Amino acid sequence: MKNNPTTETTLFSPIALGPYTLPNRIVMAPMTRNRAGAGNVPQPVNAEYYAQRASAGLIITEATQVSPQGVGYPATPGMHSAEQVAGWRLVTEAVHERGGRIFAQLWHVGRISHPSLQPDGALPVAPSAIRPDGEAITYEGPQPFVTPRALQTDEIPGIIAQYRTAAQNAMDAGFDGVEIHAANGYLLDQFLRDGSNRRTDGYGGPVENRARLLLEATEAVTAVWGGDRVGIRLSPINSFNSMSDSQPQATFGYVTRQLNRFGLTYLHVMEGTIGEAAQPAQQVDMRKLREAFKGTYIANGGYDRSRAMAALRAGDADLIAFGVLFLANPDLPQRLTVDAPLNAPDAATFYGGDTKGYTDYPALEAEARPA
């Protein structure tokens, strides 16, 4: 059921999200930080990082691999081993102790990987054997992407099983729900968009086929969690990772309507693009997606306080996800409430490293304390 915004709706208004009541409409967006330990296991420092940000209405974790095959970057956490589940339990307990809510984002990178990151040095998998532009980030440094291996039709049930198992693992780790990552040029997005999917079987061709893996993965995850604790992330116009679609409005309109059958708690839309392009090559009317979806709509895309408040007042979104602002401001809800100055983010520490630029950003009270 949609939440009905009014002129009184602000970032600080509570909102129902599935079985939960969130204290505000400020979401911590999923952000890769490359700080998992050996075996892609979350560490105590990761628990500290998320607990610092527990005042968010909802935290969505960094992207988390559903299997060893789904790995595409160094030191990113997984959700497929007992050790990883135990590591994530440290995180969920720390967030819950601070009164927060946290969803795990489930991720398979598909072709955005490298043999050095794959089990037994295998080729990355994809809907079609199309090499993306650019370079993979590996433990040995940047290396050119390779041409991936197209998945065989009889391998698809195994991919769906990876999502099902990861969903159960997330439940065992104490999460409040999960988000299916179907955005930003990773595996589910690769199947969905026709720039990366040239298949001729039941998972390629018309949008009904290209959307099939995403919908089957969603069915598997909701079988574990129920729809009211599952969200999904889409990025209709993001060209990151060499992505494109010939008819994005039709493609994502179809997907959005089909997702309604699962009773998902939210649709999380990356409304812009990542990288150099200031303006995406194609446009999509996000309001039409918002209106087509029967659940809660989370907007994501470089929002600041004033733009976020305007979007909520206009009914263009129910919640707003903040990325870099939350990275640099662990107490972002408090700062937005009083319209306080924001910490400047240190881009050099975004990906990898230690506590610098991770858990050492000062909170507002610490900044205000006299020397």
Protein backbone atom coordinates (compact mmCIF):
# COMPACT_ATOMS: atom_id res chain seq x y z
CA MET A 1 0.00 0.00 0.00
CA LYS A 2 1.30 3.42 -0.90
CA ASN A 3 1.99 5.97 1.78
CA ASN A 4 0.05 9.14 1.05
CA PRO A 5 2.32 12.20 1.15
CA THR A 6 0.96 15.60 2.11
CA THR A 7 2.41 19.08 2.16
CA GLU A 8 3.45 18.24 5.73
CA THR A 9 5.60 15.25 4.73
CA THR A 10 9.27 15.87 5.43
CA LEU A 11 12.45 13.85 5.74
CA PHE A 12 11.72 13.60 9.45
CA SER A 13 8.20 12.17 9.20
CA PRO A 14 7.82 8.54 10.29
CA ILE A 15 6.73 6.01 7.69
CA ALA A 16 5.51 2.41 7.61
CA LEU A 17 7.76 0.04 5.66
CA GLY A 18 6.45 -3.50 5.62
CA PRO A 19 6.13 -4.62 9.24
CA TYR A 20 8.30 -1.76 10.49
CA THR A 21 7.72 1.86 11.38
CA LEU A 22 10.74 3.95 10.45
CA PRO A 23 11.42 7.10 12.51
CA ASN A 24 12.38 9.13 9.45
CA ARG A 25 12.56 8.91 5.65
CA ILE A 26 16.35 9.10 5.41
CA VAL A 27 17.89 5.94 3.94
CA MET A 28 21.57 5.06 4.00
CA ALA A 29 22.26 3.99 0.44
CA PRO A 30 24.34 0.88 -0.32
CA MET A 31 27.98 1.92 -0.78
CA THR A 32 30.90 -0.36 -1.62
CA ARG A 33 33.76 0.34 0.81
CA ASN A 34 36.14 -2.62 0.21
CA ARG A 35 36.87 -3.22 3.87
CA ALA A 36 35.81 -6.83 4.43
CA GLY A 37 38.38 -9.16 5.96
CA ALA A 38 39.92 -12.39 4.70
CA GLY A 39 37.36 -14.64 3.07
CA ASN A 40 35.17 -11.60 2.38
CA VAL A 41 34.02 -11.73 6.00
CA PRO A 42 32.63 -8.61 7.74
CA GLN A 43 34.78 -7.47 10.68
CA PRO A 44 34.15 -5.59 13.96
CA VAL A 45 35.16 -2.33 12.26
CA ASN A 46 32.34 -2.86 9.75
CA ALA A 47 29.91 -3.26 12.64
CA GLU A 48 31.17 0.00 14.12
CA TYR A 49 30.72 1.78 10.77
CA TYR A 50 27.11 0.72 10.38
CA ALA A 51 26.24 1.25 14.05
CA GLN A 52 27.47 4.84 13.79
CA ARG A 53 24.79 5.38 11.12
CA ALA A 54 21.93 3.58 12.88
CA SER A 55 19.87 6.79 13.16
CA ALA A 56 18.93 6.34 9.49
CA GLY A 57 15.33 5.36 8.98
CA LEU A 58 16.78 2.39 7.10
CA ILE A 59 20.31 1.19 6.35
CA ILE A 60 20.91 -0.76 3.14
CA THR A 61 24.26 -2.51 3.29
CA GLU A 62 26.98 -2.38 0.72
CA ALA A 63 26.49 -4.90 -2.07
CA THR A 64 27.03 -8.43 -0.78
CA GLN A 65 27.89 -11.40 -2.98
CA VAL A 66 25.43 -14.26 -3.19
CA SER A 67 28.17 -16.74 -4.15
CA PRO A 68 31.91 -17.00 -4.89
CA GLN A 69 30.96 -16.69 -8.57
CA GLY A 70 29.30 -13.36 -7.80
CA VAL A 71 32.52 -11.69 -6.59
CA GLY A 72 33.79 -8.77 -8.65
CA TYR A 73 35.91 -6.57 -6.38
CA PRO A 74 38.52 -7.09 -3.67
CA ALA A 75 37.52 -7.05 0.00
CA THR A 76 33.78 -6.92 -0.60
CA PRO A 77 31.62 -8.95 1.78
CA GLY A 78 29.70 -12.10 0.94
CA MET A 79 26.57 -13.87 2.15
CA HIS A 80 27.48 -17.44 1.23
CA SER A 81 29.65 -18.87 4.02
CA ALA A 82 29.13 -19.56 7.71
CA GLU A 83 31.97 -17.18 8.54
CA GLN A 84 30.35 -14.39 6.54
CA VAL A 85 27.01 -14.95 8.25
CA ALA A 86 28.74 -14.73 11.64
CA GLY A 87 30.49 -11.54 10.56
CA TRP A 88 27.24 -9.97 9.41
CA ARG A 89 25.63 -10.94 12.71
CA LEU A 90 28.12 -8.61 14.42
CA VAL A 91 26.81 -5.84 12.17
CA THR A 92 23.10 -6.47 12.67
CA GLU A 93 23.46 -6.77 16.43
CA ALA A 94 25.40 -3.51 16.61
CA VAL A 95 22.79 -1.69 14.52
CA HIS A 96 19.89 -3.12 16.50
CA GLU A 97 21.52 -2.13 19.78
CA ARG A 98 21.36 1.47 18.50
CA GLY A 99 17.71 1.07 17.51
CA GLY A 100 18.33 0.89 13.76
CA ARG A 101 16.90 -1.17 10.90
CA ILE A 102 19.17 -2.79 8.31
CA PHE A 103 18.57 -4.63 5.01
CA ALA A 104 21.27 -6.64 3.21
CA GLN A 105 21.78 -5.95 -0.48
CA LEU A 106 22.17 -9.21 -2.44
CA TRP A 107 24.54 -9.04 -5.42
CA HIS A 108 25.96 -11.04 -8.30
CA VAL A 109 28.30 -8.99 -10.48
CA GLY A 110 28.07 -11.18 -13.59
CA ARG A 111 30.57 -9.98 -16.19
CA ILE A 112 31.98 -7.19 -13.98
CA SER A 113 34.67 -9.44 -12.61
CA HIS A 114 37.98 -11.01 -13.57
CA PRO A 115 39.32 -14.58 -13.60
CA SER A 116 41.66 -13.71 -10.71
CA LEU A 117 38.56 -13.11 -8.55
CA GLN A 118 36.69 -16.22 -9.71
CA PRO A 119 36.84 -19.77 -8.32
CA ASP A 120 39.58 -21.72 -10.11
CA GLY A 121 40.34 -18.71 -12.33
CA ALA A 122 37.17 -19.25 -14.35
CA LEU A 123 35.71 -16.71 -16.73
CA PRO A 124 33.02 -14.42 -15.29
CA VAL A 125 29.49 -15.30 -16.39
CA ALA A 126 26.95 -13.12 -18.17
CA PRO A 127 23.80 -13.38 -20.28
CA SER A 128 25.93 -13.01 -23.42
CA ALA A 129 29.63 -13.12 -24.25
CA ILE A 130 30.01 -9.34 -24.50
CA ARG A 131 33.03 -7.71 -22.89
CA PRO A 132 32.33 -4.46 -21.03
CA ASP A 133 34.56 -1.46 -21.56
CA GLY A 134 37.12 -0.55 -18.95
CA GLU A 135 39.04 -2.38 -16.29
CA ALA A 136 38.31 -4.78 -13.47
CA ILE A 137 39.61 -3.91 -10.01
CA THR A 138 41.67 -6.85 -8.78
CA TYR A 139 44.07 -7.58 -5.93
CA GLU A 140 46.88 -7.02 -8.43
CA GLY A 141 45.48 -3.65 -9.54
CA PRO A 142 43.32 -2.66 -12.52
CA GLN A 143 43.21 -5.20 -15.35
CA PRO A 144 41.22 -5.11 -18.61
CA PHE A 145 37.84 -6.77 -18.45
CA VAL A 146 37.71 -10.13 -20.20
CA THR A 147 35.00 -11.46 -22.47
CA PRO A 148 32.63 -13.32 -20.14
CA ARG A 149 31.13 -16.75 -20.66
CA ALA A 150 27.44 -16.80 -21.58
CA LEU A 151 25.46 -18.82 -19.08
CA GLN A 152 23.84 -21.97 -20.43
CA THR A 153 20.09 -22.20 -20.01
CA ASP A 154 20.42 -25.16 -17.66
CA GLU A 155 22.69 -23.11 -15.38
CA ILE A 156 20.02 -20.51 -14.63
CA PRO A 157 18.33 -22.50 -11.82
CA GLY A 158 21.71 -22.57 -10.07
CA ILE A 159 21.90 -18.77 -10.20
CA ILE A 160 18.41 -18.51 -8.70
CA ALA A 161 19.45 -20.95 -5.98
CA GLN A 162 22.36 -18.67 -5.09
CA TYR A 163 19.90 -15.85 -4.37
CA ARG A 164 17.65 -18.15 -2.36
CA THR A 165 20.54 -19.38 -0.21
CA ALA A 166 21.90 -15.87 0.33
CA ALA A 167 18.42 -14.69 1.36
CA GLN A 168 18.26 -17.44 3.99
CA ASN A 169 21.77 -16.60 5.15
CA ALA A 170 20.78 -12.96 5.56
CA MET A 171 17.86 -14.03 7.71
CA ASP A 172 20.18 -16.19 9.82
CA ALA A 173 22.51 -13.19 10.20
CA GLY A 174 19.73 -11.16 11.82
CA PHE A 175 18.87 -8.70 9.07
CA ASP A 176 15.49 -6.98 8.98
CA GLY A 177 15.09 -7.64 5.27
CA VAL A 178 16.97 -7.77 1.98
CA GLU A 179 17.33 -5.72 -1.17
CA ILE A 180 17.85 -7.45 -4.52
CA HIS A 181 20.53 -5.57 -6.49
CA ALA A 182 19.22 -5.43 -10.06
CA ALA A 183 20.98 -2.19 -10.98
CA ASN A 184 24.24 -0.59 -12.11
CA GLY A 185 25.27 -3.11 -14.74
CA TYR A 186 25.49 -6.25 -12.60
CA LEU A 187 24.08 -9.67 -13.46
CA LEU A 188 20.32 -9.13 -13.13
CA ASP A 189 20.61 -5.77 -14.89
CA GLN A 190 22.75 -7.39 -17.61
CA PHE A 191 19.94 -9.83 -18.35
CA LEU A 192 17.30 -7.10 -18.25
CA ARG A 193 18.77 -4.59 -20.69
CA ASP A 194 19.13 -5.42 -24.37
CA GLY A 195 22.54 -3.77 -24.73
CA SER A 196 24.07 -6.64 -22.76
CA ASN A 197 21.57 -9.45 -23.42
CA ARG A 198 21.67 -10.94 -26.93
CA ARG A 199 20.34 -14.37 -25.97
CA THR A 200 17.95 -16.34 -28.14
CA ASP A 201 16.55 -18.68 -25.48
CA GLY A 202 13.79 -18.03 -22.96
CA TYR A 203 15.95 -15.45 -21.15
CA GLY A 204 16.61 -13.21 -24.16
CA GLY A 205 14.83 -11.30 -26.89
CA PRO A 206 11.61 -9.54 -25.81
CA VAL A 207 11.47 -7.81 -22.44
CA GLU A 208 9.25 -10.57 -21.06
CA ASN A 209 12.18 -12.95 -21.48
CA ARG A 210 14.93 -10.54 -20.45
CA ALA A 211 13.11 -9.79 -17.19
CA ARG A 212 12.62 -13.47 -16.43
CA LEU A 213 15.78 -14.02 -14.35
CA LEU A 214 15.13 -10.93 -12.23
CA LEU A 215 11.55 -12.05 -11.57
CA GLU A 216 12.56 -15.63 -10.81
CA ALA A 217 15.25 -14.45 -8.41
CA THR A 218 12.68 -12.19 -6.75
CA GLU A 219 10.30 -15.12 -6.40
CA ALA A 220 13.05 -17.16 -4.72
CA VAL A 221 13.98 -14.40 -2.29
CA THR A 222 10.38 -13.58 -1.35
CA ALA A 223 9.77 -17.28 -0.72
CA VAL A 224 12.28 -16.92 2.12
CA TRP A 225 11.36 -13.49 3.44
CA GLY A 226 7.86 -12.69 2.23
CA GLY A 227 7.42 -9.65 0.02
CA ASP A 228 6.95 -7.19 2.87
CA ARG A 229 10.63 -7.47 3.86
CA VAL A 230 12.14 -7.45 0.36
CA GLY A 231 13.05 -4.45 -1.78
CA ILE A 232 14.64 -4.19 -5.20
CA ARG A 233 17.02 -1.71 -6.77
CA LEU A 234 16.84 -0.62 -10.43
CA SER A 235 18.81 1.92 -12.47
CA PRO A 236 16.89 2.68 -15.68
CA ILE A 237 19.27 5.25 -17.20
CA ASN A 238 22.59 4.37 -15.61
CA SER A 239 25.20 3.70 -18.32
CA PHE A 240 27.83 2.58 -15.78
CA ASN A 241 29.50 -0.74 -16.67
CA SER A 242 28.73 -0.30 -20.40
CA MET A 243 24.97 -0.57 -19.95
CA SER A 244 22.25 0.53 -22.35
CA ASP A 245 18.74 -0.35 -23.42
CA SER A 246 16.95 0.55 -26.62
CA GLN A 247 13.62 1.26 -24.88
CA PRO A 248 14.28 1.97 -21.20
CA GLN A 249 10.85 3.43 -20.43
CA ALA A 250 9.12 0.33 -21.78
CA THR A 251 11.64 -2.08 -20.25
CA PHE A 252 11.52 -0.65 -16.76
CA GLY A 253 7.81 0.08 -16.91
CA TYR A 254 7.19 -3.59 -17.64
CA VAL A 255 9.51 -4.75 -14.87
CA THR A 256 7.95 -2.42 -12.33
CA ARG A 257 4.45 -3.64 -13.10
CA GLN A 258 5.54 -7.28 -12.91
CA LEU A 259 7.23 -6.77 -9.55
CA ASN A 260 3.89 -5.82 -8.03
CA ARG A 261 2.90 -9.49 -7.98
CA PHE A 262 5.38 -10.13 -5.15
CA GLY A 263 4.07 -7.47 -2.75
CA LEU A 264 7.55 -5.99 -2.33
CA THR A 265 8.01 -3.43 0.41
CA TYR A 266 9.91 -0.96 -1.77
CA LEU A 267 11.33 -0.06 -5.15
CA HIS A 268 14.70 1.70 -4.88
CA VAL A 269 15.52 3.61 -8.05
CA MET A 270 18.91 5.01 -8.99
CA GLU A 271 17.56 7.98 -10.90
CA GLY A 272 20.81 9.14 -12.50
CA THR A 273 24.02 7.69 -13.84
CA ILE A 274 27.46 6.99 -12.42
CA GLY A 275 30.66 8.26 -13.96
CA GLU A 276 31.67 11.04 -16.27
CA ALA A 277 28.37 11.71 -18.03
CA ALA A 278 26.59 14.64 -16.41
CA GLN A 279 23.46 13.81 -18.38
CA PRO A 280 22.48 10.27 -19.36
CA ALA A 281 22.02 9.56 -23.05
CA GLN A 282 18.40 8.50 -22.48
CA GLN A 283 15.65 9.71 -20.21
CA VAL A 284 13.00 7.86 -18.25
CA ASP A 285 9.99 9.39 -16.52
CA MET A 286 10.66 8.20 -12.98
CA ARG A 287 7.27 9.45 -11.82
CA LYS A 288 5.63 6.87 -14.08
CA LEU A 289 7.64 4.12 -12.40
CA ARG A 290 6.71 5.49 -8.99
CA GLU A 291 3.03 5.51 -9.95
CA ALA A 292 3.18 2.00 -11.44
CA PHE A 293 4.67 0.49 -8.28
CA LYS A 294 2.22 -0.38 -5.52
CA GLY A 295 4.71 -0.24 -2.67
CA THR A 296 7.06 2.38 -1.23
CA TYR A 297 9.33 4.28 -3.61
CA ILE A 298 12.90 5.18 -2.58
CA ALA A 299 14.59 7.84 -4.72
CA ASN A 300 18.38 7.86 -5.07
CA GLY A 301 20.51 10.21 -7.12
CA GLY A 302 22.59 13.00 -5.64
CA TYR A 303 19.86 14.40 -3.40
CA ASP A 304 20.62 17.15 -0.90
CA ARG A 305 18.35 18.39 1.88
CA SER A 306 16.33 20.90 -0.14
CA ARG A 307 15.86 18.67 -3.16
CA ALA A 308 14.88 15.75 -0.95
CA MET A 309 12.30 17.79 0.92
CA ALA A 310 10.84 19.05 -2.36
CA ALA A 311 10.56 15.52 -3.75
CA LEU A 312 8.71 14.33 -0.66
CA ARG A 313 6.34 17.30 -0.70
CA ALA A 314 5.58 16.73 -4.38
CA GLY A 315 4.92 13.04 -3.83
CA ASP A 316 7.76 12.03 -6.14
CA ALA A 317 9.19 9.69 -3.48
CA ASP A 318 8.38 8.20 -0.09
CA LEU A 319 11.97 7.95 1.16
CA ILE A 320 15.27 9.41 -0.02
CA ALA A 321 18.53 7.44 -0.10
CA PHE A 322 21.76 9.33 0.59
CA GLY A 323 25.15 7.89 -0.31
CA VAL A 324 28.25 10.06 -0.02
CA LEU A 325 26.55 12.40 2.47
CA PHE A 326 25.98 9.42 4.80
CA LEU A 327 29.49 8.13 4.23
CA ALA A 328 30.96 11.39 5.56
CA ASN A 329 28.29 12.17 8.16
CA PRO A 330 27.46 9.29 10.50
CA ASP A 331 24.81 11.44 12.17
CA LEU A 332 23.27 12.68 8.91
CA PRO A 333 19.65 12.64 10.17
CA GLN A 334 20.58 14.94 13.06
CA ARG A 335 22.50 17.28 10.75
CA LEU A 336 19.63 17.42 8.27
CA THR A 337 17.13 18.04 11.06
CA VAL A 338 18.91 21.17 12.25
CA ASP A 339 20.33 22.01 8.79
CA ALA A 340 23.86 21.86 10.21
CA PRO A 341 27.06 21.99 8.15
CA LEU A 342 28.16 18.68 6.66
CA ASN A 343 31.55 16.99 6.82
CA ALA A 344 33.44 17.03 3.54
CA PRO A 345 33.95 13.52 2.13
CA ASP A 346 37.49 12.26 1.56
CA ALA A 347 37.32 10.57 -1.84
CA ALA A 348 40.80 9.06 -1.45
CA THR A 349 39.47 6.78 1.31
CA PHE A 350 36.20 5.70 -0.31
CA TYR A 351 37.44 2.28 -1.44
CA GLY A 352 39.67 0.22 0.81
CA GLY A 353 41.99 1.18 3.64
CA ASP A 354 41.58 1.26 7.39
CA THR A 355 39.51 3.36 9.77
CA LYS A 356 40.62 6.63 8.13
CA GLY A 357 37.71 7.93 6.11
CA TYR A 358 35.58 5.07 7.41
CA THR A 359 34.79 5.32 11.12
CA ASP A 360 36.61 8.56 11.99
CA TYR A 361 34.24 11.17 10.56
CA PRO A 362 33.17 13.35 13.52
CA ALA A 363 29.61 13.52 14.77
CA LEU A 364 27.97 16.91 15.24
CA GLU A 365 28.26 16.86 19.03
CA ALA A 366 31.97 16.03 18.81
CA GLU A 367 32.50 18.91 16.39
CA ALA A 368 30.67 21.31 18.69
CA ARG A 369 32.58 20.26 21.79
CA PRO A 370 35.15 22.91 22.88
CA ALA A 371 38.81 21.98 22.68
